[in-house]
Amino acid sequence: MLVKTARSRKSKNEYEHRAPGDVVATVAECLSDWRPSRKLLTGEQLLDAYAKKKGAVVSYQIYAALGWFGQLGLVRRHGRSGYSVPHPNTIVGDVQKAWNSLGNGQAR
């Protein structure tokens, strides 16, 4: 389970967003289909691609995966314009390696 911990701006309480490993892997697969020669990929487009591949998913799970991928340098966020994938041909394997390196199966 990928776990993103954040703090609410309003209440200052901590909360978590969780994304199962199969969601993380499917997001990587969807990103591998995207090519950098195209326009930037938006979160909505990624949600649509995911839905076509596996069915509906909670949007925060997609964004949790994207955030982790960004920390790993596997995707680049371009403000509110969208995301780019520098190496779409290797992202699935890169995500799998990073996931396996976590050891306990969780990332925070």
PDB file of N, CA and C in Angstrom:
ATOM      1  N   MET A   1       0.840  -1.174   0.000  1.00  0.00           N
ATOM      2  CA  MET A   1       0.000   0.000   0.000  1.00  0.00           C
ATOM      3  C   MET A   1       0.892   1.246   0.000  1.00  0.00           C
ATOM      4  N   LEU A   2       0.679   2.127  -0.957  1.00  0.00           N
ATOM      5  CA  LEU A   2       1.364   3.411  -0.985  1.00  0.00           C
ATOM      6  C   LEU A   2       0.569   4.349  -0.087  1.00  0.00           C
ATOM      7  N   VAL A   3       1.242   5.013   0.840  1.00  0.00           N
ATOM      8  CA  VAL A   3       0.565   5.889   1.793  1.00  0.00           C
ATOM      9  C   VAL A   3       1.155   7.294   1.689  1.00  0.00           C
ATOM     10  N   LYS A   4       0.285   8.240   1.394  1.00  0.00           N
ATOM     11  CA  LYS A   4       0.684   9.650   1.348  1.00  0.00           C
ATOM     12  C   LYS A   4       0.105  10.316   2.592  1.00  0.00           C
ATOM     13  N   THR A   5       0.966  10.889   3.411  1.00  0.00           N
ATOM     14  CA  THR A   5       0.538  11.586   4.614  1.00  0.00           C
ATOM     15  C   THR A   5       0.628  13.089   4.363  1.00  0.00           C
ATOM     16  N   ALA A   6      -0.423  13.795   4.726  1.00  0.00           N
ATOM     17  CA  ALA A   6      -0.459  15.239   4.529  1.00  0.00           C
ATOM     18  C   ALA A   6      -1.131  15.899   5.730  1.00  0.00           C
ATOM     19  N   ARG A   7      -1.082  17.202   5.753  1.00  0.00           N
ATOM     20  CA  ARG A   7      -1.701  17.962   6.835  1.00  0.00           C
ATOM     21  C   ARG A   7      -2.716  18.920   6.223  1.00  0.00           C
ATOM     22  N   SER A   8      -3.894  18.942   6.795  1.00  0.00           N
ATOM     23  CA  SER A   8      -4.948  19.835   6.346  1.00  0.00           C
ATOM     24  C   SER A   8      -4.554  21.286   6.606  1.00  0.00           C
ATOM     25  N   ARG A   9      -4.709  22.141   5.602  1.00  0.00           N
ATOM     26  CA  ARG A   9      -4.391  23.557   5.783  1.00  0.00           C
ATOM     27  C   ARG A   9      -5.351  24.213   6.765  1.00  0.00           C
ATOM     28  N   LYS A  10      -6.595  23.789   6.702  1.00  0.00           N
ATOM     29  CA  LYS A  10      -7.633  24.423   7.514  1.00  0.00           C
ATOM     30  C   LYS A  10      -7.583  23.974   8.968  1.00  0.00           C
ATOM     31  N   SER A  11      -7.661  22.667   9.193  1.00  0.00           N
ATOM     32  CA  SER A  11      -7.735  22.154  10.575  1.00  0.00           C
ATOM     33  C   SER A  11      -6.378  21.788  11.159  1.00  0.00           C
ATOM     34  N   LYS A  12      -5.347  21.702  10.310  1.00  0.00           N
ATOM     35  CA  LYS A  12      -3.992  21.313  10.714  1.00  0.00           C
ATOM     36  C   LYS A  12      -3.909  19.847  11.155  1.00  0.00           C
ATOM     37  N   ASN A  13      -4.970  19.079  10.934  1.00  0.00           N
ATOM     38  CA  ASN A  13      -4.953  17.655  11.263  1.00  0.00           C
ATOM     39  C   ASN A  13      -4.250  16.875  10.166  1.00  0.00           C
ATOM     40  N   GLU A  14      -3.601  15.785  10.546  1.00  0.00           N
ATOM     41  CA  GLU A  14      -2.929  14.919   9.593  1.00  0.00           C
ATOM     42  C   GLU A  14      -3.938  13.936   9.005  1.00  0.00           C
ATOM     43  N   TYR A  15      -3.760  13.604   7.723  1.00  0.00           N
ATOM     44  CA  TYR A  15      -4.605  12.608   7.080  1.00  0.00           C
ATOM     45  C   TYR A  15      -3.759  11.794   6.115  1.00  0.00           C
ATOM     46  N   GLU A  16      -4.313  10.665   5.679  1.00  0.00           N
ATOM     47  CA  GLU A  16      -3.589   9.779   4.764  1.00  0.00           C
ATOM     48  C   GLU A  16      -4.427   9.479   3.532  1.00  0.00           C
ATOM     49  N   HIS A  17      -3.745   9.362   2.400  1.00  0.00           N
ATOM     50  CA  HIS A  17      -4.324   8.829   1.179  1.00  0.00           C
ATOM     51  C   HIS A  17      -3.576   7.537   0.888  1.00  0.00           C
ATOM     52  N   ARG A  18      -4.326   6.471   0.668  1.00  0.00           N
ATOM     53  CA  ARG A  18      -3.727   5.157   0.413  1.00  0.00           C
ATOM     54  C   ARG A  18      -4.052   4.691  -1.001  1.00  0.00           C
ATOM     55  N   ALA A  19      -3.056   4.096  -1.643  1.00  0.00           N
ATOM     56  CA  ALA A  19      -3.237   3.537  -2.983  1.00  0.00           C
ATOM     57  C   ALA A  19      -2.649   2.124  -2.992  1.00  0.00           C
ATOM     58  N   PRO A  20      -3.471   1.127  -3.302  1.00  0.00           N
ATOM     59  CA  PRO A  20      -2.963  -0.254  -3.371  1.00  0.00           C
ATOM     60  C   PRO A  20      -1.909  -0.413  -4.468  1.00  0.00           C
ATOM     61  N   GLY A  21      -1.079  -1.417  -4.306  1.00  0.00           N
ATOM     62  CA  GLY A  21      -0.003  -1.676  -5.263  1.00  0.00           C
ATOM     63  C   GLY A  21      -0.487  -1.879  -6.678  1.00  0.00           C
ATOM     64  N   ASP A  22      -1.650  -2.529  -6.851  1.00  0.00           N
ATOM     65  CA  ASP A  22      -2.141  -2.754  -8.209  1.00  0.00           C
ATOM     66  C   ASP A  22      -2.559  -1.446  -8.872  1.00  0.00           C
ATOM     67  N   VAL A  23      -3.045  -0.476  -8.087  1.00  0.00           N
ATOM     68  CA  VAL A  23      -3.379   0.838  -8.651  1.00  0.00           C
ATOM     69  C   VAL A  23      -2.097   1.547  -9.085  1.00  0.00           C
ATOM     70  N   VAL A  24      -1.080   1.509  -8.243  1.00  0.00           N
ATOM     71  CA  VAL A  24       0.204   2.141  -8.564  1.00  0.00           C
ATOM     72  C   VAL A  24       0.771   1.545  -9.852  1.00  0.00           C
ATOM     73  N   ALA A  25       0.723   0.224  -9.976  1.00  0.00           N
ATOM     74  CA  ALA A  25       1.244  -0.443 -11.173  1.00  0.00           C
ATOM     75  C   ALA A  25       0.439  -0.069 -12.416  1.00  0.00           C
ATOM     76  N   THR A  26      -0.873   0.020 -12.281  1.00  0.00           N
ATOM     77  CA  THR A  26      -1.711   0.371 -13.432  1.00  0.00           C
ATOM     78  C   THR A  26      -1.491   1.814 -13.859  1.00  0.00           C
ATOM     79  N   VAL A  27      -1.296   2.712 -12.902  1.00  0.00           N
ATOM     80  CA  VAL A  27      -0.983   4.106 -13.246  1.00  0.00           C
ATOM     81  C   VAL A  27       0.312   4.145 -14.057  1.00  0.00           C
ATOM     82  N   ALA A  28       1.310   3.369 -13.645  1.00  0.00           N
ATOM     83  CA  ALA A  28       2.574   3.308 -14.394  1.00  0.00           C
ATOM     84  C   ALA A  28       2.334   2.787 -15.810  1.00  0.00           C
ATOM     85  N   GLU A  29       1.474   1.777 -15.944  1.00  0.00           N
ATOM     86  CA  GLU A  29       1.164   1.240 -17.274  1.00  0.00           C
ATOM     87  C   GLU A  29       0.506   2.305 -18.151  1.00  0.00           C
ATOM     88  N   CYS A  30      -0.430   3.049 -17.575  1.00  0.00           N
ATOM     89  CA  CYS A  30      -1.097   4.111 -18.331  1.00  0.00           C
ATOM     90  C   CYS A  30      -0.091   5.175 -18.765  1.00  0.00           C
ATOM     91  N   LEU A  31       0.839   5.508 -17.883  1.00  0.00           N
ATOM     92  CA  LEU A  31       1.862   6.503 -18.219  1.00  0.00           C
ATOM     93  C   LEU A  31       2.819   5.991 -19.285  1.00  0.00           C
ATOM     94  N   SER A  32       3.049   4.685 -19.310  1.00  0.00           N
ATOM     95  CA  SER A  32       3.962   4.131 -20.323  1.00  0.00           C
ATOM     96  C   SER A  32       3.360   4.248 -21.724  1.00  0.00           C
ATOM     97  N   ASP A  33       2.044   4.339 -21.804  1.00  0.00           N
ATOM     98  CA  ASP A  33       1.373   4.497 -23.092  1.00  0.00           C
ATOM     99  C   ASP A  33       1.445   5.933 -23.606  1.00  0.00           C
ATOM    100  N   TRP A  34       1.767   6.859 -22.710  1.00  0.00           N
ATOM    101  CA  TRP A  34       1.828   8.277 -23.075  1.00  0.00           C
ATOM    102  C   TRP A  34       3.196   8.582 -23.671  1.00  0.00           C
ATOM    103  N   ARG A  35       3.245   9.361 -24.712  1.00  0.00           N
ATOM    104  CA  ARG A  35       4.510   9.684 -25.367  1.00  0.00           C
ATOM    105  C   ARG A  35       4.831  11.161 -25.204  1.00  0.00           C
ATOM    106  N   PRO A  36       6.094  11.496 -24.914  1.00  0.00           N
ATOM    107  CA  PRO A  36       6.458  12.889 -24.668  1.00  0.00           C
ATOM    108  C   PRO A  36       6.244  13.822 -25.858  1.00  0.00           C
ATOM    109  N   SER A  37       6.082  13.273 -27.039  1.00  0.00           N
ATOM    110  CA  SER A  37       5.865  14.135 -28.203  1.00  0.00           C
ATOM    111  C   SER A  37       4.446  14.713 -28.202  1.00  0.00           C
ATOM    112  N   ARG A  38       3.578  14.127 -27.407  1.00  0.00           N
ATOM    113  CA  ARG A  38       2.219  14.639 -27.284  1.00  0.00           C
ATOM    114  C   ARG A  38       2.183  15.785 -26.285  1.00  0.00           C
ATOM    115  N   LYS A  39       1.012  16.398 -26.165  1.00  0.00           N
ATOM    116  CA  LYS A  39       0.825  17.443 -25.167  1.00  0.00           C
ATOM    117  C   LYS A  39       0.955  16.833 -23.774  1.00  0.00           C
ATOM    118  N   LEU A  40       0.996  17.695 -22.777  1.00  0.00           N
ATOM    119  CA  LEU A  40       1.078  17.220 -21.401  1.00  0.00           C
ATOM    120  C   LEU A  40      -0.157  16.400 -21.044  1.00  0.00           C
ATOM    121  N   LEU A  41       0.047  15.446 -20.190  1.00  0.00           N
ATOM    122  CA  LEU A  41      -1.030  14.574 -19.721  1.00  0.00           C
ATOM    123  C   LEU A  41      -1.646  15.206 -18.484  1.00  0.00           C
ATOM    124  N   THR A  42      -2.958  15.410 -18.495  1.00  0.00           N
ATOM    125  CA  THR A  42      -3.632  15.968 -17.327  1.00  0.00           C
ATOM    126  C   THR A  42      -4.092  14.838 -16.409  1.00  0.00           C
ATOM    127  N   GLY A  43      -4.395  15.197 -15.174  1.00  0.00           N
ATOM    128  CA  GLY A  43      -4.921  14.217 -14.236  1.00  0.00           C
ATOM    129  C   GLY A  43      -6.211  13.598 -14.739  1.00  0.00           C
ATOM    130  N   GLU A  44      -7.067  14.396 -15.352  1.00  0.00           N
ATOM    131  CA  GLU A  44      -8.335  13.883 -15.888  1.00  0.00           C
ATOM    132  C   GLU A  44      -8.099  12.870 -17.011  1.00  0.00           C
ATOM    133  N   GLN A  45      -7.145  13.160 -17.877  1.00  0.00           N
ATOM    134  CA  GLN A  45      -6.829  12.221 -18.957  1.00  0.00           C
ATOM    135  C   GLN A  45      -6.297  10.910 -18.387  1.00  0.00           C
ATOM    136  N   LEU A  46      -5.501  11.010 -17.328  1.00  0.00           N
ATOM    137  CA  LEU A  46      -4.969   9.801 -16.697  1.00  0.00           C
ATOM    138  C   LEU A  46      -6.088   9.001 -16.042  1.00  0.00           C
ATOM    139  N   LEU A  47      -7.029   9.681 -15.401  1.00  0.00           N
ATOM    140  CA  LEU A  47      -8.191   8.995 -14.824  1.00  0.00           C
ATOM    141  C   LEU A  47      -8.985   8.269 -15.904  1.00  0.00           C
ATOM    142  N   ASP A  48      -9.172   8.916 -17.050  1.00  0.00           N
ATOM    143  CA  ASP A  48      -9.886   8.291 -18.164  1.00  0.00           C
ATOM    144  C   ASP A  48      -9.129   7.073 -18.693  1.00  0.00           C
ATOM    145  N   ALA A  49      -7.809   7.210 -18.847  1.00  0.00           N
ATOM    146  CA  ALA A  49      -6.995   6.086 -19.334  1.00  0.00           C
ATOM    147  C   ALA A  49      -7.060   4.921 -18.357  1.00  0.00           C
ATOM    148  N   TYR A  50      -7.014   5.223 -17.064  1.00  0.00           N
ATOM    149  CA  TYR A  50      -7.096   4.184 -16.045  1.00  0.00           C
ATOM    150  C   TYR A  50      -8.451   3.482 -16.129  1.00  0.00           C
ATOM    151  N   ALA A  51      -9.523   4.261 -16.246  1.00  0.00           N
ATOM    152  CA  ALA A  51     -10.876   3.695 -16.303  1.00  0.00           C
ATOM    153  C   ALA A  51     -11.033   2.762 -17.507  1.00  0.00           C
ATOM    154  N   LYS A  52     -10.441   3.119 -18.644  1.00  0.00           N
ATOM    155  CA  LYS A  52     -10.514   2.262 -19.831  1.00  0.00           C
ATOM    156  C   LYS A  52      -9.757   0.955 -19.620  1.00  0.00           C
ATOM    157  N   LYS A  53      -8.688   1.023 -18.837  1.00  0.00           N
ATOM    158  CA  LYS A  53      -7.850  -0.153 -18.623  1.00  0.00           C
ATOM    159  C   LYS A  53      -8.395  -1.065 -17.519  1.00  0.00           C
ATOM    160  N   LYS A  54      -8.832  -0.475 -16.403  1.00  0.00           N
ATOM    161  CA  LYS A  54      -9.196  -1.278 -15.225  1.00  0.00           C
ATOM    162  C   LYS A  54     -10.552  -0.937 -14.610  1.00  0.00           C
ATOM    163  N   GLY A  55     -11.191   0.126 -15.061  1.00  0.00           N
ATOM    164  CA  GLY A  55     -12.440   0.562 -14.438  1.00  0.00           C
ATOM    165  C   GLY A  55     -12.194   1.765 -13.544  1.00  0.00           C
ATOM    166  N   ALA A  56     -13.224   2.159 -12.843  1.00  0.00           N
ATOM    167  CA  ALA A  56     -13.156   3.372 -12.017  1.00  0.00           C
ATOM    168  C   ALA A  56     -12.164   3.217 -10.870  1.00  0.00           C
ATOM    169  N   VAL A  57     -11.599   4.353 -10.476  1.00  0.00           N
ATOM    170  CA  VAL A  57     -10.663   4.404  -9.357  1.00  0.00           C
ATOM    171  C   VAL A  57     -10.894   5.729  -8.646  1.00  0.00           C
ATOM    172  N   VAL A  58     -10.587   5.775  -7.369  1.00  0.00           N
ATOM    173  CA  VAL A  58     -10.703   7.012  -6.612  1.00  0.00           C
ATOM    174  C   VAL A  58      -9.569   7.934  -7.053  1.00  0.00           C
ATOM    175  N   SER A  59      -9.900   9.177  -7.380  1.00  0.00           N
ATOM    176  CA  SER A  59      -8.909  10.077  -7.971  1.00  0.00           C
ATOM    177  C   SER A  59      -7.705  10.323  -7.068  1.00  0.00           C
ATOM    178  N   TYR A  60      -7.907  10.359  -5.753  1.00  0.00           N
ATOM    179  CA  TYR A  60      -6.755  10.637  -4.886  1.00  0.00           C
ATOM    180  C   TYR A  60      -5.707   9.538  -4.968  1.00  0.00           C
ATOM    181  N   GLN A  61      -6.115   8.311  -5.338  1.00  0.00           N
ATOM    182  CA  GLN A  61      -5.145   7.231  -5.485  1.00  0.00           C
ATOM    183  C   GLN A  61      -4.230   7.496  -6.681  1.00  0.00           C
ATOM    184  N   ILE A  62      -4.807   8.015  -7.751  1.00  0.00           N
ATOM    185  CA  ILE A  62      -4.018   8.372  -8.934  1.00  0.00           C
ATOM    186  C   ILE A  62      -3.008   9.461  -8.573  1.00  0.00           C
ATOM    187  N   TYR A  63      -3.490  10.483  -7.861  1.00  0.00           N
ATOM    188  CA  TYR A  63      -2.613  11.603  -7.507  1.00  0.00           C
ATOM    189  C   TYR A  63      -1.552  11.206  -6.484  1.00  0.00           C
ATOM    190  N   ALA A  64      -1.865  10.260  -5.604  1.00  0.00           N
ATOM    191  CA  ALA A  64      -0.853   9.757  -4.670  1.00  0.00           C
ATOM    192  C   ALA A  64       0.264   9.065  -5.441  1.00  0.00           C
ATOM    193  N   ALA A  65      -0.114   8.243  -6.426  1.00  0.00           N
ATOM    194  CA  ALA A  65       0.892   7.573  -7.261  1.00  0.00           C
ATOM    195  C   ALA A  65       1.708   8.595  -8.046  1.00  0.00           C
ATOM    196  N   LEU A  66       1.040   9.575  -8.637  1.00  0.00           N
ATOM    197  CA  LEU A  66       1.757  10.608  -9.394  1.00  0.00           C
ATOM    198  C   LEU A  66       2.739  11.373  -8.509  1.00  0.00           C
ATOM    199  N   GLY A  67       2.331  11.658  -7.283  1.00  0.00           N
ATOM    200  CA  GLY A  67       3.221  12.361  -6.357  1.00  0.00           C
ATOM    201  C   GLY A  67       4.471  11.556  -6.060  1.00  0.00           C
ATOM    202  N   TRP A  68       4.284  10.263  -5.837  1.00  0.00           N
ATOM    203  CA  TRP A  68       5.436   9.391  -5.568  1.00  0.00           C
ATOM    204  C   TRP A  68       6.333   9.300  -6.794  1.00  0.00           C
ATOM    205  N   PHE A  69       5.707   9.141  -7.966  1.00  0.00           N
ATOM    206  CA  PHE A  69       6.491   9.071  -9.202  1.00  0.00           C
ATOM    207  C   PHE A  69       7.290  10.352  -9.404  1.00  0.00           C
ATOM    208  N   GLY A  70       6.699  11.483  -9.035  1.00  0.00           N
ATOM    209  CA  GLY A  70       7.402  12.760  -9.134  1.00  0.00           C
ATOM    210  C   GLY A  70       8.609  12.806  -8.208  1.00  0.00           C
ATOM    211  N   GLN A  71       8.448  12.288  -6.982  1.00  0.00           N
ATOM    212  CA  GLN A  71       9.573  12.243  -6.044  1.00  0.00           C
ATOM    213  C   GLN A  71      10.693  11.370  -6.577  1.00  0.00           C
ATOM    214  N   LEU A  72      10.328  10.327  -7.304  1.00  0.00           N
ATOM    215  CA  LEU A  72      11.320   9.417  -7.882  1.00  0.00           C
ATOM    216  C   LEU A  72      11.942   9.985  -9.162  1.00  0.00           C
ATOM    217  N   GLY A  73      11.380  11.060  -9.681  1.00  0.00           N
ATOM    218  CA  GLY A  73      11.881  11.640 -10.929  1.00  0.00           C
ATOM    219  C   GLY A  73      11.355  10.946 -12.170  1.00  0.00           C
ATOM    220  N   LEU A  74      10.297  10.158 -12.022  1.00  0.00           N
ATOM    221  CA  LEU A  74       9.756   9.405 -13.155  1.00  0.00           C
ATOM    222  C   LEU A  74       8.711  10.182 -13.935  1.00  0.00           C
ATOM    223  N   VAL A  75       8.116  11.186 -13.309  1.00  0.00           N
ATOM    224  CA  VAL A  75       7.217  12.106 -13.999  1.00  0.00           C
ATOM    225  C   VAL A  75       7.596  13.520 -13.591  1.00  0.00           C
ATOM    226  N   ARG A  76       7.217  14.463 -14.427  1.00  0.00           N
ATOM    227  CA  ARG A  76       7.455  15.871 -14.120  1.00  0.00           C
ATOM    228  C   ARG A  76       6.117  16.592 -14.138  1.00  0.00           C
ATOM    229  N   ARG A  77       5.877  17.362 -13.099  1.00  0.00           N
ATOM    230  CA  ARG A  77       4.647  18.151 -13.033  1.00  0.00           C
ATOM    231  C   ARG A  77       4.935  19.533 -13.602  1.00  0.00           C
ATOM    232  N   HIS A  78       4.030  19.990 -14.444  1.00  0.00           N
ATOM    233  CA  HIS A  78       4.164  21.302 -15.075  1.00  0.00           C
ATOM    234  C   HIS A  78       3.026  22.196 -14.582  1.00  0.00           C
ATOM    235  N   GLY A  79       3.110  22.538 -13.299  1.00  0.00           N
ATOM    236  CA  GLY A  79       2.071  23.357 -12.686  1.00  0.00           C
ATOM    237  C   GLY A  79       0.712  22.713 -12.842  1.00  0.00           C
ATOM    238  N   ARG A  80      -0.269  23.509 -13.176  1.00  0.00           N
ATOM    239  CA  ARG A  80      -1.624  22.997 -13.381  1.00  0.00           C
ATOM    240  C   ARG A  80      -1.851  22.531 -14.817  1.00  0.00           C
ATOM    241  N   SER A  81      -0.809  22.620 -15.632  1.00  0.00           N
ATOM    242  CA  SER A  81      -0.934  22.259 -17.047  1.00  0.00           C
ATOM    243  C   SER A  81      -0.933  20.752 -17.268  1.00  0.00           C
ATOM    244  N   GLY A  82      -0.295  20.004 -16.387  1.00  0.00           N
ATOM    245  CA  GLY A  82      -0.268  18.563 -16.539  1.00  0.00           C
ATOM    246  C   GLY A  82       1.082  17.963 -16.202  1.00  0.00           C
ATOM    247  N   TYR A  83       1.291  16.758 -16.679  1.00  0.00           N
ATOM    248  CA  TYR A  83       2.472  15.972 -16.358  1.00  0.00           C
ATOM    249  C   TYR A  83       3.134  15.502 -17.649  1.00  0.00           C
ATOM    250  N   SER A  84       4.451  15.311 -17.574  1.00  0.00           N
ATOM    251  CA  SER A  84       5.179  14.688 -18.675  1.00  0.00           C
ATOM    252  C   SER A  84       5.901  13.466 -18.122  1.00  0.00           C
ATOM    253  N   VAL A  85       6.186  12.541 -19.015  1.00  0.00           N
ATOM    254  CA  VAL A  85       6.863  11.300 -18.655  1.00  0.00           C
ATOM    255  C   VAL A  85       8.155  11.243 -19.452  1.00  0.00           C
ATOM    256  N   PRO A  86       9.288  11.564 -18.817  1.00  0.00           N
ATOM    257  CA  PRO A  86      10.550  11.613 -19.559  1.00  0.00           C
ATOM    258  C   PRO A  86      10.939  10.286 -20.217  1.00  0.00           C
ATOM    259  N   HIS A  87      10.659   9.171 -19.543  1.00  0.00           N
ATOM    260  CA  HIS A  87      11.066   7.860 -20.075  1.00  0.00           C
ATOM    261  C   HIS A  87       9.885   6.876 -20.008  1.00  0.00           C
ATOM    262  N   PRO A  88       8.908   7.040 -20.905  1.00  0.00           N
ATOM    263  CA  PRO A  88       7.725   6.175 -20.854  1.00  0.00           C
ATOM    264  C   PRO A  88       8.028   4.698 -21.112  1.00  0.00           C
ATOM    265  N   ASN A  89       9.102   4.418 -21.831  1.00  0.00           N
ATOM    266  CA  ASN A  89       9.426   3.020 -22.140  1.00  0.00           C
ATOM    267  C   ASN A  89       9.930   2.240 -20.935  1.00  0.00           C
ATOM    268  N   THR A  90      10.427   2.944 -19.921  1.00  0.00           N
ATOM    269  CA  THR A  90      10.999   2.245 -18.759  1.00  0.00           C
ATOM    270  C   THR A  90      10.232   2.482 -17.462  1.00  0.00           C
ATOM    271  N   ILE A  91       9.174   3.300 -17.504  1.00  0.00           N
ATOM    272  CA  ILE A  91       8.515   3.686 -16.250  1.00  0.00           C
ATOM    273  C   ILE A  91       7.919   2.494 -15.505  1.00  0.00           C
ATOM    274  N   VAL A  92       7.363   1.521 -16.199  1.00  0.00           N
ATOM    275  CA  VAL A  92       6.773   0.361 -15.518  1.00  0.00           C
ATOM    276  C   VAL A  92       7.839  -0.386 -14.727  1.00  0.00           C
ATOM    277  N   GLY A  93       8.970  -0.667 -15.357  1.00  0.00           N
ATOM    278  CA  GLY A  93      10.061  -1.360 -14.670  1.00  0.00           C
ATOM    279  C   GLY A  93      10.666  -0.526 -13.558  1.00  0.00           C
ATOM    280  N   ASP A  94      10.779   0.788 -13.788  1.00  0.00           N
ATOM    281  CA  ASP A  94      11.333   1.680 -12.771  1.00  0.00           C
ATOM    282  C   ASP A  94      10.439   1.727 -11.535  1.00  0.00           C
ATOM    283  N   VAL A  95       9.128   1.776 -11.749  1.00  0.00           N
ATOM    284  CA  VAL A  95       8.185   1.778 -10.622  1.00  0.00           C
ATOM    285  C   VAL A  95       8.259   0.455  -9.880  1.00  0.00           C
ATOM    286  N   GLN A  96       8.344  -0.649 -10.611  1.00  0.00           N
ATOM    287  CA  GLN A  96       8.421  -1.967  -9.964  1.00  0.00           C
ATOM    288  C   GLN A  96       9.683  -2.077  -9.110  1.00  0.00           C
ATOM    289  N   LYS A  97      10.804  -1.594  -9.622  1.00  0.00           N
ATOM    290  CA  LYS A  97      12.053  -1.627  -8.849  1.00  0.00           C
ATOM    291  C   LYS A  97      11.927  -0.784  -7.582  1.00  0.00           C
ATOM    292  N   ALA A  98      11.363   0.409  -7.720  1.00  0.00           N
ATOM    293  CA  ALA A  98      11.198   1.288  -6.562  1.00  0.00           C
ATOM    294  C   ALA A  98      10.254   0.657  -5.538  1.00  0.00           C
ATOM    295  N   TRP A  99       9.185   0.048  -6.013  1.00  0.00           N
ATOM    296  CA  TRP A  99       8.221  -0.610  -5.120  1.00  0.00           C
ATOM    297  C   TRP A  99       8.904  -1.752  -4.359  1.00  0.00           C
ATOM    298  N   ASN A 100       9.664  -2.557  -5.080  1.00  0.00           N
ATOM    299  CA  ASN A 100      10.360  -3.690  -4.448  1.00  0.00           C
ATOM    300  C   ASN A 100      11.401  -3.225  -3.454  1.00  0.00           C
ATOM    301  N   SER A 101      12.014  -2.075  -3.703  1.00  0.00           N
ATOM    302  CA  SER A 101      13.061  -1.577  -2.799  1.00  0.00           C
ATOM    303  C   SER A 101      12.494  -1.065  -1.474  1.00  0.00           C
ATOM    304  N   LEU A 102      11.179  -0.876  -1.414  1.00  0.00           N
ATOM    305  CA  LEU A 102      10.585  -0.404  -0.161  1.00  0.00           C
ATOM    306  C   LEU A 102      10.679  -1.454   0.937  1.00  0.00           C
ATOM    307  N   GLY A 103      10.780  -2.698   0.567  1.00  0.00           N
ATOM    308  CA  GLY A 103      10.967  -3.764   1.549  1.00  0.00           C
ATOM    309  C   GLY A 103       9.704  -4.124   2.294  1.00  0.00           C
ATOM    310  N   ASN A 104       9.107  -3.166   2.964  1.00  0.00           N
ATOM    311  CA  ASN A 104       7.911  -3.480   3.743  1.00  0.00           C
ATOM    312  C   ASN A 104       6.635  -3.232   2.960  1.00  0.00           C
ATOM    313  N   GLY A 105       6.765  -2.796   1.716  1.00  0.00           N
ATOM    314  CA  GLY A 105       5.589  -2.616   0.879  1.00  0.00           C
ATOM    315  C   GLY A 105       4.862  -1.308   1.087  1.00  0.00           C
ATOM    316  N   GLN A 106       5.393  -0.393   1.885  1.00  0.00           N
ATOM    317  CA  GLN A 106       4.730   0.895   2.089  1.00  0.00           C
ATOM    318  C   GLN A 106       5.697   2.035   1.825  1.00  0.00           C
ATOM    319  N   ALA A 107       5.161   3.113   1.335  1.00  0.00           N
ATOM    320  CA  ALA A 107       5.931   4.347   1.153  1.00  0.00           C
ATOM    321  C   ALA A 107       5.195   5.465   1.855  1.00  0.00           C
ATOM    322  N   ARG A 108       5.906   6.310   2.516  1.00  0.00           N
ATOM    323  CA  ARG A 108       5.295   7.476   3.176  1.00  0.00           C
ATOM    324  C   ARG A 108       6.009   8.717   2.718  1.00  0.00           C
TER     325      ARG A 108
END
